[in-house]
Amino acid sequence: MAAPLQIDNDTLLRRRDLAQALTDKGYPTAAATLATKATRGGGPPYRMWGRIPLYRWGDALAWAERRLTEPRSSSSEADIRPATAEPQGPSPL
């Protein structure tokens, strides 16, 4: 049995290791999802070492945390949007 990785914010991880570390932290993520997001955008930042993408743990964890919503009491709360101010009076032409 391999010893668990000691990860700090500056640790560089390969895609499969990052997916496992995020999943272990409670953010279920597949390596294939990270690969797709690397080509289409929207994923955590990464650097290339030759042909190998490397992800900084602190950046990837911050990316995962930003994807969380605010706490909710029910699923219908996702449909509630804050009211916006309506323009008052006639609109200027």
PDB file of N, CA and C in Angstrom:
ATOM      1  N   MET A   1       0.853  -1.189   0.000  1.00  0.00           N
ATOM      2  CA  MET A   1       0.000   0.000   0.000  1.00  0.00           C
ATOM      3  C   MET A   1       0.889   1.239   0.000  1.00  0.00           C
ATOM      4  N   ALA A   2       0.645   2.128  -0.938  1.00  0.00           N
ATOM      5  CA  ALA A   2       1.458   3.332  -1.060  1.00  0.00           C
ATOM      6  C   ALA A   2       1.058   4.344   0.011  1.00  0.00           C
ATOM      7  N   ALA A   3       2.060   5.074   0.475  1.00  0.00           N
ATOM      8  CA  ALA A   3       1.788   6.128   1.461  1.00  0.00           C
ATOM      9  C   ALA A   3       1.029   7.254   0.783  1.00  0.00           C
ATOM     10  N   PRO A   4       0.081   7.901   1.495  1.00  0.00           N
ATOM     11  CA  PRO A   4      -0.646   9.015   0.883  1.00  0.00           C
ATOM     12  C   PRO A   4       0.291  10.167   0.541  1.00  0.00           C
ATOM     13  N   LEU A   5      -0.048  10.853  -0.530  1.00  0.00           N
ATOM     14  CA  LEU A   5       0.746  12.008  -0.951  1.00  0.00           C
ATOM     15  C   LEU A   5       0.672  13.117   0.096  1.00  0.00           C
ATOM     16  N   GLN A   6       1.787  13.752   0.349  1.00  0.00           N
ATOM     17  CA  GLN A   6       1.811  14.956   1.178  1.00  0.00           C
ATOM     18  C   GLN A   6       1.679  16.132   0.224  1.00  0.00           C
ATOM     19  N   ILE A   7       0.553  16.790   0.288  1.00  0.00           N
ATOM     20  CA  ILE A   7       0.263  17.857  -0.670  1.00  0.00           C
ATOM     21  C   ILE A   7       0.200  19.197   0.047  1.00  0.00           C
ATOM     22  N   ASP A   8       0.952  20.181  -0.477  1.00  0.00           N
ATOM     23  CA  ASP A   8       0.787  21.563  -0.028  1.00  0.00           C
ATOM     24  C   ASP A   8       0.341  22.377  -1.238  1.00  0.00           C
ATOM     25  N   ASN A   9       0.068  23.639  -1.050  1.00  0.00           N
ATOM     26  CA  ASN A   9      -0.478  24.472  -2.133  1.00  0.00           C
ATOM     27  C   ASN A   9       0.403  24.535  -3.365  1.00  0.00           C
ATOM     28  N   ASP A  10       1.722  24.385  -3.217  1.00  0.00           N
ATOM     29  CA  ASP A  10       2.631  24.490  -4.355  1.00  0.00           C
ATOM     30  C   ASP A  10       2.951  23.152  -5.013  1.00  0.00           C
ATOM     31  N   THR A  11       2.386  22.068  -4.515  1.00  0.00           N
ATOM     32  CA  THR A  11       2.637  20.753  -5.100  1.00  0.00           C
ATOM     33  C   THR A  11       2.080  20.708  -6.518  1.00  0.00           C
ATOM     34  N   LEU A  12       2.888  20.217  -7.449  1.00  0.00           N
ATOM     35  CA  LEU A  12       2.453  20.052  -8.832  1.00  0.00           C
ATOM     36  C   LEU A  12       1.991  18.614  -9.027  1.00  0.00           C
ATOM     37  N   LEU A  13       0.801  18.466  -9.598  1.00  0.00           N
ATOM     38  CA  LEU A  13       0.208  17.143  -9.775  1.00  0.00           C
ATOM     39  C   LEU A  13      -0.122  16.891 -11.235  1.00  0.00           C
ATOM     40  N   ARG A  14       0.073  15.646 -11.646  1.00  0.00           N
ATOM     41  CA  ARG A  14      -0.388  15.238 -12.965  1.00  0.00           C
ATOM     42  C   ARG A  14      -1.902  15.131 -12.938  1.00  0.00           C
ATOM     43  N   ARG A  15      -2.491  15.093 -14.097  1.00  0.00           N
ATOM     44  CA  ARG A  15      -3.945  15.145 -14.223  1.00  0.00           C
ATOM     45  C   ARG A  15      -4.644  14.038 -13.425  1.00  0.00           C
ATOM     46  N   ARG A  16      -4.199  12.805 -13.552  1.00  0.00           N
ATOM     47  CA  ARG A  16      -4.877  11.705 -12.840  1.00  0.00           C
ATOM     48  C   ARG A  16      -4.714  11.834 -11.335  1.00  0.00           C
ATOM     49  N   ASP A  17      -3.534  12.324 -10.886  1.00  0.00           N
ATOM     50  CA  ASP A  17      -3.306  12.519  -9.454  1.00  0.00           C
ATOM     51  C   ASP A  17      -4.151  13.672  -8.916  1.00  0.00           C
ATOM     52  N   LEU A  18      -4.302  14.713  -9.719  1.00  0.00           N
ATOM     53  CA  LEU A  18      -5.137  15.840  -9.309  1.00  0.00           C
ATOM     54  C   LEU A  18      -6.594  15.411  -9.188  1.00  0.00           C
ATOM     55  N   ALA A  19      -7.080  14.658 -10.163  1.00  0.00           N
ATOM     56  CA  ALA A  19      -8.460  14.188 -10.104  1.00  0.00           C
ATOM     57  C   ALA A  19      -8.686  13.370  -8.838  1.00  0.00           C
ATOM     58  N   GLN A  20      -7.743  12.511  -8.489  1.00  0.00           N
ATOM     59  CA  GLN A  20      -7.881  11.699  -7.280  1.00  0.00           C
ATOM     60  C   GLN A  20      -7.823  12.565  -6.025  1.00  0.00           C
ATOM     61  N   ALA A  21      -6.909  13.537  -5.990  1.00  0.00           N
ATOM     62  CA  ALA A  21      -6.770  14.409  -4.820  1.00  0.00           C
ATOM     63  C   ALA A  21      -8.029  15.255  -4.623  1.00  0.00           C
ATOM     64  N   LEU A  22      -8.596  15.781  -5.710  1.00  0.00           N
ATOM     65  CA  LEU A  22      -9.829  16.563  -5.599  1.00  0.00           C
ATOM     66  C   LEU A  22     -10.982  15.679  -5.120  1.00  0.00           C
ATOM     67  N   THR A  23     -11.058  14.470  -5.647  1.00  0.00           N
ATOM     68  CA  THR A  23     -12.097  13.530  -5.227  1.00  0.00           C
ATOM     69  C   THR A  23     -11.939  13.190  -3.753  1.00  0.00           C
ATOM     70  N   ASP A  24     -10.718  12.942  -3.313  1.00  0.00           N
ATOM     71  CA  ASP A  24     -10.455  12.639  -1.901  1.00  0.00           C
ATOM     72  C   ASP A  24     -10.840  13.804  -0.997  1.00  0.00           C
ATOM     73  N   LYS A  25     -10.714  15.020  -1.512  1.00  0.00           N
ATOM     74  CA  LYS A  25     -11.041  16.225  -0.746  1.00  0.00           C
ATOM     75  C   LYS A  25     -12.552  16.494  -0.732  1.00  0.00           C
ATOM     76  N   GLY A  26     -13.321  15.757  -1.533  1.00  0.00           N
ATOM     77  CA  GLY A  26     -14.770  15.925  -1.545  1.00  0.00           C
ATOM     78  C   GLY A  26     -15.321  16.574  -2.797  1.00  0.00           C
ATOM     79  N   TYR A  27     -14.477  16.796  -3.794  1.00  0.00           N
ATOM     80  CA  TYR A  27     -14.899  17.382  -5.060  1.00  0.00           C
ATOM     81  C   TYR A  27     -14.741  16.321  -6.154  1.00  0.00           C
ATOM     82  N   PRO A  28     -15.744  15.462  -6.354  1.00  0.00           N
ATOM     83  CA  PRO A  28     -15.602  14.373  -7.325  1.00  0.00           C
ATOM     84  C   PRO A  28     -15.246  14.898  -8.711  1.00  0.00           C
ATOM     85  N   THR A  29     -14.093  14.493  -9.195  1.00  0.00           N
ATOM     86  CA  THR A  29     -13.577  14.976 -10.474  1.00  0.00           C
ATOM     87  C   THR A  29     -12.884  13.823 -11.186  1.00  0.00           C
ATOM     88  N   ALA A  30     -13.145  13.686 -12.472  1.00  0.00           N
ATOM     89  CA  ALA A  30     -12.486  12.664 -13.284  1.00  0.00           C
ATOM     90  C   ALA A  30     -11.344  13.295 -14.071  1.00  0.00           C
ATOM     91  N   ALA A  31     -10.320  12.513 -14.319  1.00  0.00           N
ATOM     92  CA  ALA A  31      -9.199  12.994 -15.132  1.00  0.00           C
ATOM     93  C   ALA A  31      -9.691  13.397 -16.521  1.00  0.00           C
ATOM     94  N   ALA A  32     -10.667  12.661 -17.056  1.00  0.00           N
ATOM     95  CA  ALA A  32     -11.215  12.997 -18.378  1.00  0.00           C
ATOM     96  C   ALA A  32     -11.900  14.358 -18.366  1.00  0.00           C
ATOM     97  N   THR A  33     -12.533  14.710 -17.257  1.00  0.00           N
ATOM     98  CA  THR A  33     -13.165  16.031 -17.141  1.00  0.00           C
ATOM     99  C   THR A  33     -12.104  17.117 -17.194  1.00  0.00           C
ATOM    100  N   LEU A  34     -11.006  16.920 -16.489  1.00  0.00           N
ATOM    101  CA  LEU A  34      -9.915  17.900 -16.513  1.00  0.00           C
ATOM    102  C   LEU A  34      -9.326  18.022 -17.913  1.00  0.00           C
ATOM    103  N   ALA A  35      -9.200  16.902 -18.616  1.00  0.00           N
ATOM    104  CA  ALA A  35      -8.668  16.930 -19.987  1.00  0.00           C
ATOM    105  C   ALA A  35      -9.601  17.715 -20.908  1.00  0.00           C
ATOM    106  N   THR A  36     -10.897  17.477 -20.772  1.00  0.00           N
ATOM    107  CA  THR A  36     -11.873  18.202 -21.596  1.00  0.00           C
ATOM    108  C   THR A  36     -11.824  19.695 -21.303  1.00  0.00           C
ATOM    109  N   LYS A  37     -11.769  20.045 -20.030  1.00  0.00           N
ATOM    110  CA  LYS A  37     -11.738  21.460 -19.655  1.00  0.00           C
ATOM    111  C   LYS A  37     -10.426  22.116 -20.086  1.00  0.00           C
ATOM    112  N   ALA A  38      -9.358  21.359 -20.185  1.00  0.00           N
ATOM    113  CA  ALA A  38      -8.090  21.919 -20.659  1.00  0.00           C
ATOM    114  C   ALA A  38      -8.179  22.309 -22.131  1.00  0.00           C
ATOM    115  N   THR A  39      -9.012  21.600 -22.897  1.00  0.00           N
ATOM    116  CA  THR A  39      -9.141  21.941 -24.315  1.00  0.00           C
ATOM    117  C   THR A  39     -10.252  22.947 -24.573  1.00  0.00           C
ATOM    118  N   ARG A  40     -11.318  22.896 -23.780  1.00  0.00           N
ATOM    119  CA  ARG A  40     -12.476  23.774 -24.010  1.00  0.00           C
ATOM    120  C   ARG A  40     -12.500  24.995 -23.109  1.00  0.00           C
ATOM    121  N   GLY A  41     -11.724  24.981 -22.055  1.00  0.00           N
ATOM    122  CA  GLY A  41     -11.717  26.087 -21.109  1.00  0.00           C
ATOM    123  C   GLY A  41     -12.616  25.799 -19.921  1.00  0.00           C
ATOM    124  N   GLY A  42     -12.412  26.568 -18.868  1.00  0.00           N
ATOM    125  CA  GLY A  42     -13.246  26.431 -17.686  1.00  0.00           C
ATOM    126  C   GLY A  42     -12.652  25.576 -16.590  1.00  0.00           C
ATOM    127  N   GLY A  43     -11.489  25.031 -16.818  1.00  0.00           N
ATOM    128  CA  GLY A  43     -10.855  24.184 -15.813  1.00  0.00           C
ATOM    129  C   GLY A  43      -9.817  24.940 -15.009  1.00  0.00           C
ATOM    130  N   PRO A  44      -9.157  24.240 -14.107  1.00  0.00           N
ATOM    131  CA  PRO A  44      -8.108  24.883 -13.323  1.00  0.00           C
ATOM    132  C   PRO A  44      -6.897  25.209 -14.205  1.00  0.00           C
ATOM    133  N   PRO A  45      -6.129  26.232 -13.839  1.00  0.00           N
ATOM    134  CA  PRO A  45      -4.931  26.550 -14.627  1.00  0.00           C
ATOM    135  C   PRO A  45      -3.897  25.436 -14.513  1.00  0.00           C
ATOM    136  N   TYR A  46      -3.120  25.264 -15.565  1.00  0.00           N
ATOM    137  CA  TYR A  46      -2.064  24.253 -15.567  1.00  0.00           C
ATOM    138  C   TYR A  46      -0.873  24.765 -16.348  1.00  0.00           C
ATOM    139  N   ARG A  47       0.239  24.074 -16.189  1.00  0.00           N
ATOM    140  CA  ARG A  47       1.465  24.371 -16.934  1.00  0.00           C
ATOM    141  C   ARG A  47       1.888  23.093 -17.642  1.00  0.00           C
ATOM    142  N   MET A  48       2.683  23.252 -18.651  1.00  0.00           N
ATOM    143  CA  MET A  48       3.191  22.085 -19.367  1.00  0.00           C
ATOM    144  C   MET A  48       4.640  21.843 -18.989  1.00  0.00           C
ATOM    145  N   TRP A  49       4.968  20.601 -18.740  1.00  0.00           N
ATOM    146  CA  TRP A  49       6.349  20.168 -18.552  1.00  0.00           C
ATOM    147  C   TRP A  49       6.586  19.159 -19.661  1.00  0.00           C
ATOM    148  N   GLY A  50       7.150  19.660 -20.763  1.00  0.00           N
ATOM    149  CA  GLY A  50       7.220  18.835 -21.964  1.00  0.00           C
ATOM    150  C   GLY A  50       5.808  18.663 -22.495  1.00  0.00           C
ATOM    151  N   ARG A  51       5.355  17.426 -22.566  1.00  0.00           N
ATOM    152  CA  ARG A  51       3.996  17.160 -23.024  1.00  0.00           C
ATOM    153  C   ARG A  51       3.045  16.854 -21.870  1.00  0.00           C
ATOM    154  N   ILE A  52       3.530  16.981 -20.638  1.00  0.00           N
ATOM    155  CA  ILE A  52       2.749  16.608 -19.457  1.00  0.00           C
ATOM    156  C   ILE A  52       2.155  17.839 -18.787  1.00  0.00           C
ATOM    157  N   PRO A  53       0.806  17.895 -18.676  1.00  0.00           N
ATOM    158  CA  PRO A  53       0.187  19.009 -17.956  1.00  0.00           C
ATOM    159  C   PRO A  53       0.369  18.808 -16.448  1.00  0.00           C
ATOM    160  N   LEU A  54       0.769  19.879 -15.771  1.00  0.00           N
ATOM    161  CA  LEU A  54       0.938  19.852 -14.322  1.00  0.00           C
ATOM    162  C   LEU A  54       0.066  20.940 -13.706  1.00  0.00           C
ATOM    163  N   TYR A  55      -0.642  20.568 -12.677  1.00  0.00           N
ATOM    164  CA  TYR A  55      -1.570  21.466 -11.994  1.00  0.00           C
ATOM    165  C   TYR A  55      -1.042  21.763 -10.599  1.00  0.00           C
ATOM    166  N   ARG A  56      -1.035  23.027 -10.220  1.00  0.00           N
ATOM    167  CA  ARG A  56      -0.648  23.427  -8.858  1.00  0.00           C
ATOM    168  C   ARG A  56      -1.841  23.163  -7.950  1.00  0.00           C
ATOM    169  N   TRP A  57      -1.635  22.427  -6.865  1.00  0.00           N
ATOM    170  CA  TRP A  57      -2.715  22.016  -5.980  1.00  0.00           C
ATOM    171  C   TRP A  57      -3.533  23.204  -5.464  1.00  0.00           C
ATOM    172  N   GLY A  58      -2.888  24.270  -5.026  1.00  0.00           N
ATOM    173  CA  GLY A  58      -3.612  25.428  -4.493  1.00  0.00           C
ATOM    174  C   GLY A  58      -4.537  26.055  -5.522  1.00  0.00           C
ATOM    175  N   ASP A  59      -4.085  26.151  -6.774  1.00  0.00           N
ATOM    176  CA  ASP A  59      -4.922  26.712  -7.845  1.00  0.00           C
ATOM    177  C   ASP A  59      -6.113  25.805  -8.142  1.00  0.00           C
ATOM    178  N   ALA A  60      -5.860  24.496  -8.183  1.00  0.00           N
ATOM    179  CA  ALA A  60      -6.928  23.550  -8.496  1.00  0.00           C
ATOM    180  C   ALA A  60      -7.971  23.498  -7.382  1.00  0.00           C
ATOM    181  N   LEU A  61      -7.520  23.561  -6.143  1.00  0.00           N
ATOM    182  CA  LEU A  61      -8.458  23.544  -5.021  1.00  0.00           C
ATOM    183  C   LEU A  61      -9.309  24.816  -5.024  1.00  0.00           C
ATOM    184  N   ALA A  62      -8.694  25.954  -5.303  1.00  0.00           N
ATOM    185  CA  ALA A  62      -9.450  27.211  -5.399  1.00  0.00           C
ATOM    186  C   ALA A  62     -10.471  27.133  -6.531  1.00  0.00           C
ATOM    187  N   TRP A  63     -10.108  26.533  -7.659  1.00  0.00           N
ATOM    188  CA  TRP A  63     -11.030  26.354  -8.779  1.00  0.00           C
ATOM    189  C   TRP A  63     -12.226  25.513  -8.346  1.00  0.00           C
ATOM    190  N   ALA A  64     -11.971  24.415  -7.656  1.00  0.00           N
ATOM    191  CA  ALA A  64     -13.060  23.540  -7.201  1.00  0.00           C
ATOM    192  C   ALA A  64     -13.964  24.265  -6.209  1.00  0.00           C
ATOM    193  N   GLU A  65     -13.381  25.020  -5.295  1.00  0.00           N
ATOM    194  CA  GLU A  65     -14.174  25.735  -4.289  1.00  0.00           C
ATOM    195  C   GLU A  65     -15.042  26.817  -4.928  1.00  0.00           C
ATOM    196  N   ARG A  66     -14.558  27.458  -5.995  1.00  0.00           N
ATOM    197  CA  ARG A  66     -15.355  28.481  -6.690  1.00  0.00           C
ATOM    198  C   ARG A  66     -16.567  27.883  -7.384  1.00  0.00           C
ATOM    199  N   ARG A  67     -16.525  26.608  -7.684  1.00  0.00           N
ATOM    200  CA  ARG A  67     -17.644  25.949  -8.362  1.00  0.00           C
ATOM    201  C   ARG A  67     -18.792  25.628  -7.407  1.00  0.00           C
ATOM    202  N   LEU A  68     -18.564  25.719  -6.108  1.00  0.00           N
ATOM    203  CA  LEU A  68     -19.615  25.453  -5.133  1.00  0.00           C
ATOM    204  C   LEU A  68     -20.639  26.577  -5.116  1.00  0.00           C
ATOM    205  N   THR A  69     -21.883  26.226  -4.898  1.00  0.00           N
ATOM    206  CA  THR A  69     -22.926  27.240  -4.740  1.00  0.00           C
ATOM    207  C   THR A  69     -22.993  27.655  -3.275  1.00  0.00           C
ATOM    208  N   GLU A  70     -23.762  28.686  -3.013  1.00  0.00           N
ATOM    209  CA  GLU A  70     -24.050  29.069  -1.636  1.00  0.00           C
ATOM    210  C   GLU A  70     -24.917  27.973  -1.013  1.00  0.00           C
ATOM    211  N   PRO A  71     -24.893  27.824   0.314  1.00  0.00           N
ATOM    212  CA  PRO A  71     -25.747  26.808   0.947  1.00  0.00           C
ATOM    213  C   PRO A  71     -27.226  27.071   0.637  1.00  0.00           C
ATOM    214  N   ARG A  72     -27.977  25.993   0.470  1.00  0.00           N
ATOM    215  CA  ARG A  72     -29.398  26.079   0.157  1.00  0.00           C
ATOM    216  C   ARG A  72     -30.195  25.243   1.145  1.00  0.00           C
ATOM    217  N   SER A  73     -31.449  25.633   1.342  1.00  0.00           N
ATOM    218  CA  SER A  73     -32.367  24.860   2.169  1.00  0.00           C
ATOM    219  C   SER A  73     -33.268  23.979   1.323  1.00  0.00           C
ATOM    220  N   SER A  74     -33.429  24.332   0.043  1.00  0.00           N
ATOM    221  CA  SER A  74     -34.234  23.519  -0.866  1.00  0.00           C
ATOM    222  C   SER A  74     -33.746  23.721  -2.292  1.00  0.00           C
ATOM    223  N   SER A  75     -34.119  22.782  -3.153  1.00  0.00           N
ATOM    224  CA  SER A  75     -33.687  22.881  -4.545  1.00  0.00           C
ATOM    225  C   SER A  75     -34.345  24.044  -5.274  1.00  0.00           C
ATOM    226  N   SER A  76     -35.481  24.524  -4.782  1.00  0.00           N
ATOM    227  CA  SER A  76     -36.161  25.636  -5.451  1.00  0.00           C
ATOM    228  C   SER A  76     -35.432  26.960  -5.254  1.00  0.00           C
ATOM    229  N   GLU A  77     -34.528  27.031  -4.309  1.00  0.00           N
ATOM    230  CA  GLU A  77     -33.780  28.275  -4.099  1.00  0.00           C
ATOM    231  C   GLU A  77     -32.904  28.626  -5.286  1.00  0.00           C
ATOM    232  N   ALA A  78     -32.564  27.666  -6.107  1.00  0.00           N
ATOM    233  CA  ALA A  78     -31.745  27.941  -7.288  1.00  0.00           C
ATOM    234  C   ALA A  78     -32.505  28.788  -8.295  1.00  0.00           C
ATOM    235  N   ASP A  79     -33.861  28.732  -8.248  1.00  0.00           N
ATOM    236  CA  ASP A  79     -34.688  29.494  -9.180  1.00  0.00           C
ATOM    237  C   ASP A  79     -34.924  30.926  -8.744  1.00  0.00           C
ATOM    238  N   ILE A  80     -34.613  31.245  -7.501  1.00  0.00           N
ATOM    239  CA  ILE A  80     -34.858  32.583  -6.967  1.00  0.00           C
ATOM    240  C   ILE A  80     -33.722  33.502  -7.400  1.00  0.00           C
ATOM    241  N   ARG A  81     -34.081  34.591  -8.020  1.00  0.00           N
ATOM    242  CA  ARG A  81     -33.080  35.583  -8.432  1.00  0.00           C
ATOM    243  C   ARG A  81     -33.393  36.881  -7.713  1.00  0.00           C
ATOM    244  N   PRO A  82     -32.372  37.622  -7.316  1.00  0.00           N
ATOM    245  CA  PRO A  82     -32.637  38.899  -6.665  1.00  0.00           C
ATOM    246  C   PRO A  82     -33.382  39.839  -7.606  1.00  0.00           C
ATOM    247  N   ALA A  83     -34.286  40.608  -7.041  1.00  0.00           N
ATOM    248  CA  ALA A  83     -35.052  41.581  -7.827  1.00  0.00           C
ATOM    249  C   ALA A  83     -34.126  42.670  -8.322  1.00  0.00           C
ATOM    250  N   THR A  84     -34.332  43.103  -9.548  1.00  0.00           N
ATOM    251  CA  THR A  84     -33.564  44.227 -10.077  1.00  0.00           C
ATOM    252  C   THR A  84     -34.447  45.449 -10.081  1.00  0.00           C
ATOM    253  N   ALA A  85     -33.856  46.584  -9.972  1.00  0.00           N
ATOM    254  CA  ALA A  85     -34.624  47.837  -9.943  1.00  0.00           C
ATOM    255  C   ALA A  85     -35.200  48.102 -11.325  1.00  0.00           C
ATOM    256  N   GLU A  86     -36.483  48.394 -11.353  1.00  0.00           N
ATOM    257  CA  GLU A  86     -37.156  48.773 -12.599  1.00  0.00           C
ATOM    258  C   GLU A  86     -36.903  50.250 -12.859  1.00  0.00           C
ATOM    259  N   PRO A  87     -36.705  50.663 -14.082  1.00  0.00           N
ATOM    260  CA  PRO A  87     -36.550  52.080 -14.379  1.00  0.00           C
ATOM    261  C   PRO A  87     -37.823  52.829 -14.001  1.00  0.00           C
ATOM    262  N   GLN A  88     -37.669  53.975 -13.432  1.00  0.00           N
ATOM    263  CA  GLN A  88     -38.811  54.791 -12.999  1.00  0.00           C
ATOM    264  C   GLN A  88     -39.114  55.852 -14.051  1.00  0.00           C
ATOM    265  N   GLY A  89     -40.397  56.043 -14.325  1.00  0.00           N
ATOM    266  CA  GLY A  89     -40.807  57.099 -15.256  1.00  0.00           C
ATOM    267  C   GLY A  89     -40.601  56.719 -16.692  1.00  0.00           C
ATOM    268  N   PRO A  90     -40.954  57.624 -17.603  1.00  0.00           N
ATOM    269  CA  PRO A  90     -40.791  57.330 -19.031  1.00  0.00           C
ATOM    270  C   PRO A  90     -39.319  57.276 -19.414  1.00  0.00           C
ATOM    271  N   SER A  91     -39.015  56.425 -20.348  1.00  0.00           N
ATOM    272  CA  SER A  91     -37.626  56.308 -20.774  1.00  0.00           C
ATOM    273  C   SER A  91     -37.264  57.475 -21.689  1.00  0.00           C
ATOM    274  N   PRO A  92     -36.082  58.037 -21.523  1.00  0.00           N
ATOM    275  CA  PRO A  92     -35.659  59.148 -22.396  1.00  0.00           C
ATOM    276  C   PRO A  92     -35.376  58.632 -23.799  1.00  0.00           C
ATOM    277  N   LEU A  93     -35.762  59.396 -24.785  1.00  0.00           N
ATOM    278  CA  LEU A  93     -35.508  59.028 -26.183  1.00  0.00           C
ATOM    279  C   LEU A  93     -34.413  59.802 -26.756  1.00  0.00           C
TER     280      LEU A  93
END
